[in-house]
C-alpha atoms as a PDB file:
ATOM      1  CA  MET A   1     -37.934 -48.973 -21.537  1.00  0.00           C
ATOM      2  CA  ALA A   2     -39.161 -46.216 -19.340  1.00  0.00           C
ATOM      3  CA  LYS A   3     -37.733 -42.754 -19.603  1.00  0.00           C
ATOM      4  CA  LYS A   4     -36.157 -41.273 -16.515  1.00  0.00           C
ATOM      5  CA  LYS A   5     -37.578 -38.029 -15.233  1.00  0.00           C
ATOM      6  CA  GLN A   6     -35.128 -35.136 -15.220  1.00  0.00           C
ATOM      7  CA  GLN A   7     -34.307 -33.840 -11.798  1.00  0.00           C
ATOM      8  CA  ARG A   8     -34.542 -30.154 -11.141  1.00  0.00           C
ATOM      9  CA  THR A   9     -31.210 -28.543 -10.410  1.00  0.00           C
ATOM     10  CA  THR A  10     -32.662 -25.487  -8.731  1.00  0.00           C
ATOM     11  CA  ASN A  11     -33.148 -25.416  -5.003  1.00  0.00           C
ATOM     12  CA  GLU A  12     -36.760 -25.104  -3.901  1.00  0.00           C
ATOM     13  CA  PHE A  13     -35.721 -23.029  -0.889  1.00  0.00           C
ATOM     14  CA  GLU A  14     -33.975 -20.254  -2.811  1.00  0.00           C
ATOM     15  CA  LEU A  15     -35.174 -16.752  -2.127  1.00  0.00           C
ATOM     16  CA  PRO A  16     -35.771 -14.274  -4.897  1.00  0.00           C
ATOM     17  CA  LYS A  17     -32.732 -12.126  -5.613  1.00  0.00           C
ATOM     18  CA  ASP A  18     -34.331  -8.976  -4.215  1.00  0.00           C
ATOM     19  CA  LYS A  19     -34.949 -10.719  -0.878  1.00  0.00           C
ATOM     20  CA  ALA A  20     -31.589 -12.482  -0.546  1.00  0.00           C
ATOM     21  CA  VAL A  21     -30.311 -12.824   3.000  1.00  0.00           C
ATOM     22  CA  THR A  22     -26.995 -11.111   3.657  1.00  0.00           C
ATOM     23  CA  LEU A  23     -24.368 -12.064   6.172  1.00  0.00           C
ATOM     24  CA  ALA A  24     -25.289  -9.056   8.301  1.00  0.00           C
ATOM     25  CA  ASP A  25     -28.868 -10.323   8.433  1.00  0.00           C
ATOM     26  CA  GLN A  26     -27.734 -13.785   9.489  1.00  0.00           C
ATOM     27  CA  LEU A  27     -25.488 -12.546  12.291  1.00  0.00           C
ATOM     28  CA  GLY A  28     -26.985 -11.339  15.532  1.00  0.00           C
ATOM     29  CA  GLY A  29     -26.920  -7.624  16.261  1.00  0.00           C
ATOM     30  CA  ASP A  30     -24.451  -7.916  19.128  1.00  0.00           C
ATOM     31  CA  VAL A  31     -22.109 -10.144  17.100  1.00  0.00           C
ATOM     32  CA  LEU A  32     -22.118  -7.629  14.279  1.00  0.00           C
ATOM     33  CA  ALA A  33     -21.435  -4.801  16.739  1.00  0.00           C
ATOM     34  CA  LYS A  34     -18.494  -6.753  18.213  1.00  0.00           C
ATOM     35  CA  LEU A  35     -17.057  -7.311  14.746  1.00  0.00           C
ATOM     36  CA  LYS A  36     -17.361  -3.619  13.893  1.00  0.00           C
ATOM     37  CA  ALA A  37     -15.702  -2.661  17.198  1.00  0.00           C
ATOM     38  CA  ALA A  38     -12.862  -5.108  16.543  1.00  0.00           C
ATOM     39  CA  LYS A  39     -12.391  -3.635  13.067  1.00  0.00           C
ATOM     40  CA  GLN A  40     -12.222  -0.102  14.452  1.00  0.00           C
ATOM     41  CA  GLU A  41      -9.709  -1.217  17.069  1.00  0.00           C
ATOM     42  CA  MET A  42      -7.536  -2.869  14.435  1.00  0.00           C
ATOM     43  CA  VAL A  43      -7.626   0.255  12.263  1.00  0.00           C
ATOM     44  CA  ALA A  44      -6.648   2.417  15.246  1.00  0.00           C
ATOM     45  CA  ASP A  45      -3.775   0.042  16.098  1.00  0.00           C
ATOM     46  CA  GLU A  46      -2.483   0.134  12.531  1.00  0.00           C
ATOM     47  CA  LYS A  47      -2.642   3.933  12.496  1.00  0.00           C
ATOM     48  CA  ALA A  48      -0.735   4.144  15.795  1.00  0.00           C
ATOM     49  CA  LYS A  49       1.929   1.728  14.505  1.00  0.00           C
ATOM     50  CA  GLU A  50       2.346   3.761  11.322  1.00  0.00           C
ATOM     51  CA  GLU A  51       2.719   7.010  13.284  1.00  0.00           C
ATOM     52  CA  GLU A  52       5.249   5.359  15.589  1.00  0.00           C
ATOM     53  CA  ARG A  53       7.214   4.051  12.595  1.00  0.00           C
ATOM     54  CA  LEU A  54       7.321   7.517  11.002  1.00  0.00           C
ATOM     55  CA  ALA A  55       8.430   9.143  14.266  1.00  0.00           C
ATOM     56  CA  LYS A  56      11.163   6.548  14.725  1.00  0.00           C
ATOM     57  CA  ALA A  57      12.397   7.083  11.153  1.00  0.00           C
ATOM     58  CA  ALA A  58      12.527  10.867  11.680  1.00  0.00           C
ATOM     59  CA  PHE A  59      14.418  10.438  14.949  1.00  0.00           C
ATOM     60  CA  GLU A  60      16.950   8.082  13.358  1.00  0.00           C
ATOM     61  CA  ARG A  61      17.434  10.486  10.439  1.00  0.00           C
ATOM     62  CA  LYS A  62      18.154  13.340  12.866  1.00  0.00           C
ATOM     63  CA  GLN A  63      20.578  11.169  14.821  1.00  0.00           C
ATOM     64  CA  ARG A  64      22.474  10.215  11.654  1.00  0.00           C
ATOM     65  CA  GLU A  65      22.690  13.859  10.621  1.00  0.00           C
ATOM     66  CA  LYS A  66      23.793  14.836  14.109  1.00  0.00           C
ATOM     67  CA  ASN A  67      26.656  12.340  13.948  1.00  0.00           C
ATOM     68  CA  MET A  68      27.840  13.418  10.479  1.00  0.00           C
ATOM     69  CA  SER A  69      31.174  15.106  10.110  1.00  0.00           C
ATOM     70  CA  PHE A  70      31.474  18.601   8.694  1.00  0.00           C
ATOM     71  CA  GLU A  71      32.762  17.175   5.408  1.00  0.00           C
ATOM     72  CA  GLU A  72      29.748  14.865   5.047  1.00  0.00           C
ATOM     73  CA  LEU A  73      27.350  17.725   5.775  1.00  0.00           C
ATOM     74  CA  LEU A  74      29.113  19.947   3.261  1.00  0.00           C
ATOM     75  CA  ASN A  75      28.941  17.221   0.610  1.00  0.00           C
ATOM     76  CA  GLN A  76      25.263  16.610   1.317  1.00  0.00           C
ATOM     77  CA  TYR A  77      24.072  20.224   1.455  1.00  0.00           C
ATOM     78  CA  GLY A  78      26.799  21.963  -0.557  1.00  0.00           C
ATOM     79  CA  ASP A  79      25.979  25.537  -1.513  1.00  0.00           C
ATOM     80  CA  LYS A  80      22.343  25.292  -0.515  1.00  0.00           C
ATOM     81  CA  GLY A  81      22.884  27.268   2.694  1.00  0.00           C
ATOM     82  CA  SER A  82      22.955  31.024   2.941  1.00  0.00           C
ATOM     83  CA  LYS A  83      26.278  32.826   2.753  1.00  0.00           C
ATOM     84  CA  PHE A  84      25.682  34.811   5.909  1.00  0.00           C
END
């Protein structure tokens, strides 16, 4: 019986590790620029949404305090205010 030759498991087209191709190298320059612009736009949108959420929360807090009765304000702040 003849022995079977072992097949190589390594790919003949692999590049050395120091010359590996990255995703940025594979993408075209304009595609990469579009992706970076989209990322910046998304970050700016998220920042604007967060600022809007904080402003809305502050406004609602002021409105709740504005609509509190004197008793509720006194219970909340107590003796923290000045006497004069």
